[in-house]
């Protein structure tokens, strides 16, 4: 996709989808799991944008209200000329904040995403609405984008992880991501992260399942299999799976599952993987961890980042939290 936004491939030769090591390892877990970035090919990114419009999906609307209501306060607290966003997607959620930052200082926005198409379209939209913000898209996984910042940085930076993206992985993966962020930030840099806080299971399960008349969640989850079939010469039969999300209180996370409805064998020939499914077996295609503010602060503090200001919606228990590097 062509556009005005400059996009740099930062993840090797951009064939990061072909890296089957993390996928092969995750598929050996019980239950088998597909790592989150495999859900965000171009179609998956578009389907997730549909999810954010669902009437029961409160996260995007609540976060948008917080960012708009407190944009000036957050921009003052951030204070850095570079703003990097991990998993930027459409970028709609950050435009008000970026405009507030640019009103205070020269601002360069570095969106990091695995979808080049989304980087171009979102960057062009931002340039049209807020031409005062310089945009440079970084095409690749989070780790590669952060590596580029470590090599190329010429100014203080704020790393942003919004959309409750921090919760989209196992506790081990979350710790590794936070360590990557902490290892990228220098003294005076900032880390801005949003988090959905713990709430009743029925609220969360309504949020993460399709309401009547909608299918965005189902299509998004099934697209994980379509993507693997295309990338790894697979033959997952989508008609043999039923998508559904459940809240697991033990790990304080919503898990998006594909439930097998028939006995069958699926193959990913390029990985040498075969999987036998019986009715009731599941594949985990999404984890959305929920947090309490104190626990989140402690996780980040252990990596040398100091808690600062926070902005919390008391009704929906959703927050935006700022940390700085010692």
C-alpha atoms as a PDB file:
ATOM      1  CA  UNK A   1       0.000   0.000   0.000  1.00  0.00           C
ATOM      2  CA  UNK A   2       1.407   3.374  -1.028  1.00  0.00           C
ATOM      3  CA  UNK A   3       1.046   6.535   1.021  1.00  0.00           C
ATOM      4  CA  UNK A   4       2.851   9.610   2.224  1.00  0.00           C
ATOM      5  CA  UNK A   5       3.953   8.112   5.544  1.00  0.00           C
ATOM      6  CA  UNK A   6       7.572   6.946   5.700  1.00  0.00           C
ATOM      7  CA  UNK A   7       7.677   3.331   6.898  1.00  0.00           C
ATOM      8  CA  UNK A   8      10.907   1.517   7.741  1.00  0.00           C
ATOM      9  CA  UNK A   9      11.158  -2.261   7.994  1.00  0.00           C
ATOM     10  CA  UNK A  10      12.919  -2.918  11.306  1.00  0.00           C
ATOM     11  CA  UNK A  11      12.393  -6.665  11.697  1.00  0.00           C
ATOM     12  CA  UNK A  12      15.158  -8.285   9.642  1.00  0.00           C
ATOM     13  CA  UNK A  13      13.989  -8.935   6.091  1.00  0.00           C
ATOM     14  CA  UNK A  14      10.342  -8.298   7.148  1.00  0.00           C
ATOM     15  CA  UNK A  15       9.604 -12.024   6.902  1.00  0.00           C
ATOM     16  CA  UNK A  16       8.981 -12.115  10.649  1.00  0.00           C
ATOM     17  CA  UNK A  17       5.828 -14.180  10.081  1.00  0.00           C
ATOM     18  CA  UNK A  18       8.097 -17.004   8.891  1.00  0.00           C
ATOM     19  CA  UNK A  19       9.744 -17.251  12.318  1.00  0.00           C
ATOM     20  CA  UNK A  20       7.983 -20.359  13.513  1.00  0.00           C
ATOM     21  CA  UNK A  21      10.021 -20.903  16.683  1.00  0.00           C
ATOM     22  CA  UNK A  22       7.688 -19.083  19.068  1.00  0.00           C
ATOM     23  CA  UNK A  23       4.655 -20.594  17.343  1.00  0.00           C
ATOM     24  CA  UNK A  24       5.961 -24.165  17.514  1.00  0.00           C
ATOM     25  CA  UNK A  25       6.763 -23.737  21.208  1.00  0.00           C
ATOM     26  CA  UNK A  26       3.365 -22.199  22.028  1.00  0.00           C
ATOM     27  CA  UNK A  27       1.515 -24.954  20.179  1.00  0.00           C
ATOM     28  CA  UNK A  28       3.152 -27.476  22.545  1.00  0.00           C
ATOM     29  CA  UNK A  29       1.577 -25.780  25.584  1.00  0.00           C
ATOM     30  CA  UNK A  30      -1.497 -27.247  27.283  1.00  0.00           C
ATOM     31  CA  UNK A  31      -3.790 -26.078  25.852  1.00  0.00           C
ATOM     32  CA  UNK A  32      -1.966 -25.137  22.640  1.00  0.00           C
ATOM     33  CA  UNK A  33      -1.654 -21.405  22.080  1.00  0.00           C
ATOM     34  CA  UNK A  34      -1.050 -19.099  19.134  1.00  0.00           C
ATOM     35  CA  UNK A  35       1.195 -16.120  20.084  1.00  0.00           C
ATOM     36  CA  UNK A  36      -0.672 -12.805  19.818  1.00  0.00           C
ATOM     37  CA  UNK A  37       1.224 -11.184  16.941  1.00  0.00           C
ATOM     38  CA  UNK A  38      -0.001 -13.907  14.565  1.00  0.00           C
ATOM     39  CA  UNK A  39      -3.482 -12.452  14.952  1.00  0.00           C
ATOM     40  CA  UNK A  40      -2.501  -9.131  13.374  1.00  0.00           C
ATOM     41  CA  UNK A  41      -1.925  -9.700   9.703  1.00  0.00           C
ATOM     42  CA  UNK A  42      -3.627  -7.042   7.562  1.00  0.00           C
ATOM     43  CA  UNK A  43      -7.047  -8.715   7.804  1.00  0.00           C
ATOM     44  CA  UNK A  44      -6.655  -9.358  11.523  1.00  0.00           C
ATOM     45  CA  UNK A  45      -5.794  -5.704  12.124  1.00  0.00           C
ATOM     46  CA  UNK A  46      -8.924  -4.644  10.229  1.00  0.00           C
ATOM     47  CA  UNK A  47     -11.072  -7.105  12.171  1.00  0.00           C
ATOM     48  CA  UNK A  48      -9.709  -5.804  15.467  1.00  0.00           C
ATOM     49  CA  UNK A  49     -10.792  -2.316  14.449  1.00  0.00           C
ATOM     50  CA  UNK A  50     -14.292  -3.773  13.998  1.00  0.00           C
ATOM     51  CA  UNK A  51     -14.072  -5.220  17.513  1.00  0.00           C
ATOM     52  CA  UNK A  52     -13.359  -1.779  18.954  1.00  0.00           C
ATOM     53  CA  UNK A  53     -16.706  -0.600  17.527  1.00  0.00           C
ATOM     54  CA  UNK A  54     -18.771  -3.371  19.152  1.00  0.00           C
ATOM     55  CA  UNK A  55     -21.351  -1.995  21.611  1.00  0.00           C
ATOM     56  CA  UNK A  56     -20.165  -4.261  24.431  1.00  0.00           C
ATOM     57  CA  UNK A  57     -16.421  -3.572  23.951  1.00  0.00           C
ATOM     58  CA  UNK A  58     -15.917  -0.736  26.437  1.00  0.00           C
ATOM     59  CA  UNK A  59     -12.103  -0.612  26.475  1.00  0.00           C
ATOM     60  CA  UNK A  60     -11.499   1.575  23.441  1.00  0.00           C
ATOM     61  CA  UNK A  61     -14.253   4.077  24.263  1.00  0.00           C
ATOM     62  CA  UNK A  62     -13.194   4.428  27.908  1.00  0.00           C
ATOM     63  CA  UNK A  63      -9.533   4.827  26.991  1.00  0.00           C
ATOM     64  CA  UNK A  64     -10.418   7.376  24.307  1.00  0.00           C
ATOM     65  CA  UNK A  65     -12.368   9.432  26.848  1.00  0.00           C
ATOM     66  CA  UNK A  66      -9.472   9.331  29.310  1.00  0.00           C
ATOM     67  CA  UNK A  67      -6.943  10.358  26.664  1.00  0.00           C
ATOM     68  CA  UNK A  68      -9.116  13.208  25.390  1.00  0.00           C
ATOM     69  CA  UNK A  69     -10.141  14.453  28.836  1.00  0.00           C
ATOM     70  CA  UNK A  70      -6.600  14.412  30.208  1.00  0.00           C
ATOM     71  CA  UNK A  71      -4.577  15.005  27.007  1.00  0.00           C
ATOM     72  CA  UNK A  72      -3.067  18.280  28.277  1.00  0.00           C
ATOM     73  CA  UNK A  73      -2.116  16.813  31.667  1.00  0.00           C
ATOM     74  CA  UNK A  74      -0.596  13.705  30.087  1.00  0.00           C
ATOM     75  CA  UNK A  75       1.303  15.750  27.482  1.00  0.00           C
ATOM     76  CA  UNK A  76       2.755  17.934  30.237  1.00  0.00           C
ATOM     77  CA  UNK A  77       3.786  14.874  32.246  1.00  0.00           C
ATOM     78  CA  UNK A  78       5.273  13.046  29.248  1.00  0.00           C
ATOM     79  CA  UNK A  79       7.555  15.908  28.238  1.00  0.00           C
ATOM     80  CA  UNK A  80       9.592  14.071  25.565  1.00  0.00           C
ATOM     81  CA  UNK A  81       9.968  14.997  21.879  1.00  0.00           C
ATOM     82  CA  UNK A  82       9.854  11.364  20.699  1.00  0.00           C
ATOM     83  CA  UNK A  83       6.708   9.313  21.321  1.00  0.00           C
ATOM     84  CA  UNK A  84       6.829   5.632  20.320  1.00  0.00           C
ATOM     85  CA  UNK A  85       3.698   3.506  20.373  1.00  0.00           C
ATOM     86  CA  UNK A  86       3.932  -0.282  20.479  1.00  0.00           C
ATOM     87  CA  UNK A  87       1.079  -1.916  18.579  1.00  0.00           C
ATOM     88  CA  UNK A  88      -0.245   1.356  17.214  1.00  0.00           C
ATOM     89  CA  UNK A  89      -3.009  -0.095  15.025  1.00  0.00           C
ATOM     90  CA  UNK A  90      -5.203   2.633  13.535  1.00  0.00           C
ATOM     91  CA  UNK A  91      -3.626   5.237  15.831  1.00  0.00           C
ATOM     92  CA  UNK A  92      -7.023   6.834  16.471  1.00  0.00           C
ATOM     93  CA  UNK A  93      -6.675   6.494  20.229  1.00  0.00           C
ATOM     94  CA  UNK A  94      -3.503   8.601  20.378  1.00  0.00           C
ATOM     95  CA  UNK A  95      -4.298  11.525  18.069  1.00  0.00           C
ATOM     96  CA  UNK A  96      -5.615  13.887  20.748  1.00  0.00           C
ATOM     97  CA  UNK A  97      -2.608  13.160  22.945  1.00  0.00           C
ATOM     98  CA  UNK A  98      -0.156  13.652  20.071  1.00  0.00           C
ATOM     99  CA  UNK A  99      -1.790  16.969  19.186  1.00  0.00           C
ATOM    100  CA  UNK A 100      -1.410  18.088  22.809  1.00  0.00           C
ATOM    101  CA  UNK A 101       2.252  17.031  22.789  1.00  0.00           C
ATOM    102  CA  UNK A 102       2.909  18.894  19.527  1.00  0.00           C
ATOM    103  CA  UNK A 103       1.341  22.049  20.979  1.00  0.00           C
ATOM    104  CA  UNK A 104       4.047  21.995  23.653  1.00  0.00           C
ATOM    105  CA  UNK A 105       7.155  20.815  21.788  1.00  0.00           C
ATOM    106  CA  UNK A 106       8.367  19.437  18.460  1.00  0.00           C
ATOM    107  CA  UNK A 107       6.965  15.908  18.436  1.00  0.00           C
ATOM    108  CA  UNK A 108       7.998  12.878  16.407  1.00  0.00           C
ATOM    109  CA  UNK A 109       5.626   9.914  16.514  1.00  0.00           C
ATOM    110  CA  UNK A 110       7.080   6.429  16.028  1.00  0.00           C
ATOM    111  CA  UNK A 111       4.264   3.894  15.617  1.00  0.00           C
ATOM    112  CA  UNK A 112       5.413   0.264  15.770  1.00  0.00           C
ATOM    113  CA  UNK A 113       3.151  -2.341  14.178  1.00  0.00           C
ATOM    114  CA  UNK A 114       3.305  -5.663  12.317  1.00  0.00           C
ATOM    115  CA  UNK A 115       0.859  -4.405   9.661  1.00  0.00           C
ATOM    116  CA  UNK A 116       2.542  -2.148   7.102  1.00  0.00           C
ATOM    117  CA  UNK A 117      -0.851  -1.315   5.592  1.00  0.00           C
ATOM    118  CA  UNK A 118      -2.100  -0.068   8.965  1.00  0.00           C
ATOM    119  CA  UNK A 119       1.047   2.001   9.529  1.00  0.00           C
ATOM    120  CA  UNK A 120       0.607   3.776   6.211  1.00  0.00           C
ATOM    121  CA  UNK A 121      -3.121   4.409   6.503  1.00  0.00           C
ATOM    122  CA  UNK A 122      -2.937   5.552  10.134  1.00  0.00           C
ATOM    123  CA  UNK A 123       0.124   7.716   9.489  1.00  0.00           C
ATOM    124  CA  UNK A 124      -1.531   9.392   6.515  1.00  0.00           C
ATOM    125  CA  UNK A 125      -4.682  10.042   8.556  1.00  0.00           C
ATOM    126  CA  UNK A 126      -2.640  11.579  11.370  1.00  0.00           C
ATOM    127  CA  UNK A 127      -0.691  13.741   8.913  1.00  0.00           C
ATOM    128  CA  UNK A 128      -3.967  15.057   7.491  1.00  0.00           C
ATOM    129  CA  UNK A 129      -5.472  15.858  10.902  1.00  0.00           C
ATOM    130  CA  UNK A 130      -2.291  17.001  12.659  1.00  0.00           C
ATOM    131  CA  UNK A 131       0.444  17.934  10.165  1.00  0.00           C
ATOM    132  CA  UNK A 132       2.448  19.427  13.027  1.00  0.00           C
ATOM    133  CA  UNK A 133       3.294  15.863  14.205  1.00  0.00           C
ATOM    134  CA  UNK A 134       6.198  14.204  12.366  1.00  0.00           C
ATOM    135  CA  UNK A 135       5.505  10.500  11.702  1.00  0.00           C
ATOM    136  CA  UNK A 136       7.944   7.673  11.036  1.00  0.00           C
ATOM    137  CA  UNK A 137       6.443   4.187  10.989  1.00  0.00           C
ATOM    138  CA  UNK A 138       8.445   1.203  12.246  1.00  0.00           C
ATOM    139  CA  UNK A 139       7.265  -2.023  10.595  1.00  0.00           C
ATOM    140  CA  UNK A 140       7.898  -5.078  12.735  1.00  0.00           C
ATOM    141  CA  UNK A 141       7.423  -6.648  16.118  1.00  0.00           C
ATOM    142  CA  UNK A 142       7.753  -4.702  19.362  1.00  0.00           C
ATOM    143  CA  UNK A 143      11.239  -5.995  20.108  1.00  0.00           C
ATOM    144  CA  UNK A 144      12.544  -4.929  16.695  1.00  0.00           C
ATOM    145  CA  UNK A 145      10.993  -1.474  17.018  1.00  0.00           C
ATOM    146  CA  UNK A 146      12.524  -0.985  20.442  1.00  0.00           C
ATOM    147  CA  UNK A 147      15.864  -2.169  19.076  1.00  0.00           C
ATOM    148  CA  UNK A 148      15.656   0.488  16.358  1.00  0.00           C
ATOM    149  CA  UNK A 149      15.009   3.147  19.011  1.00  0.00           C
ATOM    150  CA  UNK A 150      18.039   2.019  21.018  1.00  0.00           C
ATOM    151  CA  UNK A 151      20.240   2.323  17.923  1.00  0.00           C
ATOM    152  CA  UNK A 152      18.812   5.463  16.331  1.00  0.00           C
ATOM    153  CA  UNK A 153      17.540   7.637  19.159  1.00  0.00           C
ATOM    154  CA  UNK A 154      18.595  11.285  19.144  1.00  0.00           C
ATOM    155  CA  UNK A 155      16.126  12.606  21.736  1.00  0.00           C
ATOM    156  CA  UNK A 156      14.344  11.564  24.941  1.00  0.00           C
ATOM    157  CA  UNK A 157      11.500   9.149  24.262  1.00  0.00           C
ATOM    158  CA  UNK A 158       8.217   8.007  25.757  1.00  0.00           C
ATOM    159  CA  UNK A 159       7.283   4.400  24.998  1.00  0.00           C
ATOM    160  CA  UNK A 160       3.515   3.942  24.946  1.00  0.00           C
ATOM    161  CA  UNK A 161       1.668   0.655  25.301  1.00  0.00           C
ATOM    162  CA  UNK A 162      -2.013   1.514  25.038  1.00  0.00           C
ATOM    163  CA  UNK A 163      -5.202  -0.382  24.248  1.00  0.00           C
ATOM    164  CA  UNK A 164      -4.518  -2.627  27.287  1.00  0.00           C
ATOM    165  CA  UNK A 165      -1.974  -4.364  25.027  1.00  0.00           C
ATOM    166  CA  UNK A 166       0.255  -5.108  28.014  1.00  0.00           C
ATOM    167  CA  UNK A 167      -2.151  -7.867  29.031  1.00  0.00           C
ATOM    168  CA  UNK A 168      -2.059  -9.657  25.671  1.00  0.00           C
ATOM    169  CA  UNK A 169       0.288 -12.442  26.609  1.00  0.00           C
ATOM    170  CA  UNK A 170       1.341 -14.807  29.351  1.00  0.00           C
ATOM    171  CA  UNK A 171       2.929 -13.489  32.540  1.00  0.00           C
ATOM    172  CA  UNK A 172       6.324 -14.619  31.208  1.00  0.00           C
ATOM    173  CA  UNK A 173       5.781 -12.802  27.904  1.00  0.00           C
ATOM    174  CA  UNK A 174       4.605  -9.685  29.739  1.00  0.00           C
ATOM    175  CA  UNK A 175       7.719  -9.687  31.910  1.00  0.00           C
ATOM    176  CA  UNK A 176       9.923 -10.054  28.821  1.00  0.00           C
ATOM    177  CA  UNK A 177       8.162  -7.177  27.065  1.00  0.00           C
ATOM    178  CA  UNK A 178       8.435  -4.912  30.103  1.00  0.00           C
ATOM    179  CA  UNK A 179      12.123  -5.795  30.346  1.00  0.00           C
ATOM    180  CA  UNK A 180      12.582  -4.818  26.663  1.00  0.00           C
ATOM    181  CA  UNK A 181      10.865  -1.490  27.317  1.00  0.00           C
ATOM    182  CA  UNK A 182      12.874  -0.835  30.490  1.00  0.00           C
ATOM    183  CA  UNK A 183      16.100  -1.751  28.696  1.00  0.00           C
ATOM    184  CA  UNK A 184      15.321   0.759  25.953  1.00  0.00           C
ATOM    185  CA  UNK A 185      14.569   3.728  28.185  1.00  0.00           C
ATOM    186  CA  UNK A 186      17.316   6.055  29.403  1.00  0.00           C
ATOM    187  CA  UNK A 187      17.137   8.343  32.453  1.00  0.00           C
ATOM    188  CA  UNK A 188      14.465  10.955  31.849  1.00  0.00           C
ATOM    189  CA  UNK A 189      12.509   8.763  29.423  1.00  0.00           C
ATOM    190  CA  UNK A 190       8.902   7.799  30.115  1.00  0.00           C
ATOM    191  CA  UNK A 191       6.658   4.747  29.856  1.00  0.00           C
ATOM    192  CA  UNK A 192       2.917   5.314  29.387  1.00  0.00           C
ATOM    193  CA  UNK A 193       0.759   2.218  29.684  1.00  0.00           C
ATOM    194  CA  UNK A 194      -2.964   1.561  29.866  1.00  0.00           C
ATOM    195  CA  UNK A 195      -4.488  -1.357  31.734  1.00  0.00           C
ATOM    196  CA  UNK A 196      -7.938  -2.812  32.195  1.00  0.00           C
ATOM    197  CA  UNK A 197      -8.490  -3.443  35.889  1.00  0.00           C
ATOM    198  CA  UNK A 198     -10.034  -6.492  37.537  1.00  0.00           C
ATOM    199  CA  UNK A 199     -13.832  -6.581  37.457  1.00  0.00           C
ATOM    200  CA  UNK A 200     -16.656  -9.183  37.581  1.00  0.00           C
ATOM    201  CA  UNK A 201     -16.445 -12.128  35.183  1.00  0.00           C
ATOM    202  CA  UNK A 202     -19.828 -11.443  33.597  1.00  0.00           C
ATOM    203  CA  UNK A 203     -18.762  -7.905  32.625  1.00  0.00           C
ATOM    204  CA  UNK A 204     -15.561  -9.192  31.038  1.00  0.00           C
ATOM    205  CA  UNK A 205     -17.169 -12.093  29.191  1.00  0.00           C
ATOM    206  CA  UNK A 206     -19.799  -9.775  27.701  1.00  0.00           C
ATOM    207  CA  UNK A 207     -16.998  -7.491  26.580  1.00  0.00           C
ATOM    208  CA  UNK A 208     -14.937 -10.225  24.882  1.00  0.00           C
ATOM    209  CA  UNK A 209     -17.719 -12.102  23.074  1.00  0.00           C
ATOM    210  CA  UNK A 210     -19.829 -11.010  20.117  1.00  0.00           C
ATOM    211  CA  UNK A 211     -23.245  -9.588  20.986  1.00  0.00           C
ATOM    212  CA  UNK A 212     -26.241 -10.820  18.944  1.00  0.00           C
ATOM    213  CA  UNK A 213     -26.022  -9.764  15.320  1.00  0.00           C
ATOM    214  CA  UNK A 214     -22.225  -9.306  15.339  1.00  0.00           C
ATOM    215  CA  UNK A 215     -19.317 -11.582  14.403  1.00  0.00           C
ATOM    216  CA  UNK A 216     -16.126  -9.484  14.652  1.00  0.00           C
ATOM    217  CA  UNK A 217     -14.649 -11.467  17.550  1.00  0.00           C
ATOM    218  CA  UNK A 218     -15.449 -14.804  15.905  1.00  0.00           C
ATOM    219  CA  UNK A 219     -13.907 -13.771  12.590  1.00  0.00           C
ATOM    220  CA  UNK A 220     -10.855 -12.277  14.326  1.00  0.00           C
ATOM    221  CA  UNK A 221     -10.191 -15.469  16.285  1.00  0.00           C
ATOM    222  CA  UNK A 222     -10.758 -17.780  13.326  1.00  0.00           C
ATOM    223  CA  UNK A 223      -8.461 -15.608  11.203  1.00  0.00           C
ATOM    224  CA  UNK A 224      -5.558 -16.808  13.358  1.00  0.00           C
ATOM    225  CA  UNK A 225      -6.017 -20.223  11.743  1.00  0.00           C
ATOM    226  CA  UNK A 226      -6.431 -18.747   8.263  1.00  0.00           C
ATOM    227  CA  UNK A 227      -3.180 -16.850   8.744  1.00  0.00           C
ATOM    228  CA  UNK A 228      -1.315 -19.971   9.892  1.00  0.00           C
ATOM    229  CA  UNK A 229      -2.733 -21.999   7.007  1.00  0.00           C
ATOM    230  CA  UNK A 230      -1.432 -19.411   4.551  1.00  0.00           C
ATOM    231  CA  UNK A 231       1.985 -18.913   6.166  1.00  0.00           C
ATOM    232  CA  UNK A 232       2.852 -22.473   7.124  1.00  0.00           C
ATOM    233  CA  UNK A 233       1.071 -24.635   4.519  1.00  0.00           C
ATOM    234  CA  UNK A 234      -1.644 -25.570   6.978  1.00  0.00           C
ATOM    235  CA  UNK A 235      -5.023 -27.243   6.740  1.00  0.00           C
ATOM    236  CA  UNK A 236      -6.881 -26.120   9.856  1.00  0.00           C
ATOM    237  CA  UNK A 237     -10.589 -26.561   9.039  1.00  0.00           C
ATOM    238  CA  UNK A 238     -12.293 -23.445  10.377  1.00  0.00           C
ATOM    239  CA  UNK A 239     -15.710 -25.104  10.313  1.00  0.00           C
ATOM    240  CA  UNK A 240     -14.517 -27.495  13.046  1.00  0.00           C
ATOM    241  CA  UNK A 241     -13.958 -24.687  15.593  1.00  0.00           C
ATOM    242  CA  UNK A 242     -16.310 -22.525  17.676  1.00  0.00           C
ATOM    243  CA  UNK A 243     -14.869 -19.261  19.049  1.00  0.00           C
ATOM    244  CA  UNK A 244     -15.674 -18.199  22.616  1.00  0.00           C
ATOM    245  CA  UNK A 245     -14.001 -16.230  25.414  1.00  0.00           C
ATOM    246  CA  UNK A 246     -13.948 -17.125  29.109  1.00  0.00           C
ATOM    247  CA  UNK A 247     -12.631 -15.337  32.198  1.00  0.00           C
ATOM    248  CA  UNK A 248     -10.240 -17.413  34.307  1.00  0.00           C
ATOM    249  CA  UNK A 249     -10.126 -15.950  37.801  1.00  0.00           C
ATOM    250  CA  UNK A 250      -7.043 -17.948  38.817  1.00  0.00           C
ATOM    251  CA  UNK A 251      -4.877 -15.999  36.364  1.00  0.00           C
ATOM    252  CA  UNK A 252      -7.089 -12.883  36.262  1.00  0.00           C
ATOM    253  CA  UNK A 253      -7.358 -13.033  32.479  1.00  0.00           C
ATOM    254  CA  UNK A 254      -9.879 -13.431  29.705  1.00  0.00           C
ATOM    255  CA  UNK A 255      -8.848 -16.249  27.364  1.00  0.00           C
ATOM    256  CA  UNK A 256     -10.085 -16.350  23.781  1.00  0.00           C
ATOM    257  CA  UNK A 257     -10.552 -19.964  22.784  1.00  0.00           C
ATOM    258  CA  UNK A 258     -11.335 -21.906  19.649  1.00  0.00           C
ATOM    259  CA  UNK A 259     -13.297 -24.988  20.768  1.00  0.00           C
ATOM    260  CA  UNK A 260     -13.016 -28.048  18.525  1.00  0.00           C
ATOM    261  CA  UNK A 261     -16.439 -29.383  17.527  1.00  0.00           C
ATOM    262  CA  UNK A 262     -15.321 -32.496  15.648  1.00  0.00           C
ATOM    263  CA  UNK A 263     -12.505 -35.038  15.768  1.00  0.00           C
ATOM    264  CA  UNK A 264      -9.878 -34.202  13.170  1.00  0.00           C
ATOM    265  CA  UNK A 265      -6.157 -33.760  12.514  1.00  0.00           C
ATOM    266  CA  UNK A 266      -4.642 -30.444  11.446  1.00  0.00           C
ATOM    267  CA  UNK A 267      -1.187 -29.925   9.978  1.00  0.00           C
ATOM    268  CA  UNK A 268       1.259 -27.060   9.583  1.00  0.00           C
ATOM    269  CA  UNK A 269       3.538 -28.741   7.065  1.00  0.00           C
ATOM    270  CA  UNK A 270       6.157 -25.986   6.895  1.00  0.00           C
ATOM    271  CA  UNK A 271       6.729 -26.440  10.643  1.00  0.00           C
ATOM    272  CA  UNK A 272       6.429 -30.219  10.705  1.00  0.00           C
ATOM    273  CA  UNK A 273       3.540 -29.906  13.165  1.00  0.00           C
ATOM    274  CA  UNK A 274       0.489 -32.177  13.369  1.00  0.00           C
ATOM    275  CA  UNK A 275      -2.291 -31.701  15.925  1.00  0.00           C
ATOM    276  CA  UNK A 276      -5.079 -34.113  16.851  1.00  0.00           C
ATOM    277  CA  UNK A 277      -8.330 -32.533  18.017  1.00  0.00           C
ATOM    278  CA  UNK A 278     -11.298 -34.131  19.722  1.00  0.00           C
ATOM    279  CA  UNK A 279     -14.609 -32.417  20.493  1.00  0.00           C
ATOM    280  CA  UNK A 280     -14.078 -30.011  23.407  1.00  0.00           C
ATOM    281  CA  UNK A 281     -10.340 -29.492  22.838  1.00  0.00           C
ATOM    282  CA  UNK A 282      -9.295 -25.841  22.646  1.00  0.00           C
ATOM    283  CA  UNK A 283      -6.687 -23.587  21.090  1.00  0.00           C
ATOM    284  CA  UNK A 284      -5.903 -20.403  22.988  1.00  0.00           C
ATOM    285  CA  UNK A 285      -5.864 -17.481  20.531  1.00  0.00           C
ATOM    286  CA  UNK A 286      -5.815 -14.605  22.977  1.00  0.00           C
ATOM    287  CA  UNK A 287      -5.036 -13.658  26.558  1.00  0.00           C
ATOM    288  CA  UNK A 288      -6.277 -10.390  28.065  1.00  0.00           C
ATOM    289  CA  UNK A 289      -4.901 -10.053  31.569  1.00  0.00           C
ATOM    290  CA  UNK A 290      -6.585  -7.756  34.080  1.00  0.00           C
ATOM    291  CA  UNK A 291      -4.664  -5.820  36.707  1.00  0.00           C
ATOM    292  CA  UNK A 292      -4.867  -4.108  40.046  1.00  0.00           C
ATOM    293  CA  UNK A 293      -2.940  -0.798  40.104  1.00  0.00           C
ATOM    294  CA  UNK A 294      -0.637  -1.825  42.937  1.00  0.00           C
ATOM    295  CA  UNK A 295       0.344  -5.091  41.284  1.00  0.00           C
ATOM    296  CA  UNK A 296       1.016  -3.388  37.973  1.00  0.00           C
ATOM    297  CA  UNK A 297       3.161  -0.717  39.641  1.00  0.00           C
ATOM    298  CA  UNK A 298       5.199  -3.385  41.396  1.00  0.00           C
ATOM    299  CA  UNK A 299       5.819  -5.323  38.151  1.00  0.00           C
ATOM    300  CA  UNK A 300       7.147  -2.194  36.475  1.00  0.00           C
ATOM    301  CA  UNK A 301       9.041  -0.902  39.529  1.00  0.00           C
ATOM    302  CA  UNK A 302      11.038  -4.149  39.696  1.00  0.00           C
ATOM    303  CA  UNK A 303      12.541  -3.216  36.323  1.00  0.00           C
ATOM    304  CA  UNK A 304      13.804   0.167  37.512  1.00  0.00           C
ATOM    305  CA  UNK A 305      10.884   2.353  36.392  1.00  0.00           C
ATOM    306  CA  UNK A 306       9.358   4.727  38.930  1.00  0.00           C
ATOM    307  CA  UNK A 307       5.553   5.181  39.134  1.00  0.00           C
ATOM    308  CA  UNK A 308       4.249   8.668  38.453  1.00  0.00           C
ATOM    309  CA  UNK A 309       0.805  10.022  37.673  1.00  0.00           C
ATOM    310  CA  UNK A 310      -2.235   7.941  36.782  1.00  0.00           C
ATOM    311  CA  UNK A 311      -5.657   8.604  35.284  1.00  0.00           C
ATOM    312  CA  UNK A 312      -8.403   6.091  36.116  1.00  0.00           C
ATOM    313  CA  UNK A 313     -12.017   5.816  35.032  1.00  0.00           C
ATOM    314  CA  UNK A 314     -13.758   4.867  38.276  1.00  0.00           C
ATOM    315  CA  UNK A 315     -16.880   3.440  36.626  1.00  0.00           C
ATOM    316  CA  UNK A 316     -15.193   1.047  34.193  1.00  0.00           C
ATOM    317  CA  UNK A 317     -12.022   0.600  36.286  1.00  0.00           C
ATOM    318  CA  UNK A 318      -9.653   1.286  33.417  1.00  0.00           C
ATOM    319  CA  UNK A 319      -6.475   3.286  33.860  1.00  0.00           C
ATOM    320  CA  UNK A 320      -3.563   5.020  32.161  1.00  0.00           C
ATOM    321  CA  UNK A 321      -0.333   4.943  34.170  1.00  0.00           C
ATOM    322  CA  UNK A 322       2.910   6.885  33.696  1.00  0.00           C
ATOM    323  CA  UNK A 323       6.361   5.712  34.789  1.00  0.00           C
ATOM    324  CA  UNK A 324       9.795   7.247  34.332  1.00  0.00           C
ATOM    325  CA  UNK A 325      13.307   5.816  34.081  1.00  0.00           C
ATOM    326  CA  UNK A 326      15.566   6.398  37.049  1.00  0.00           C
END
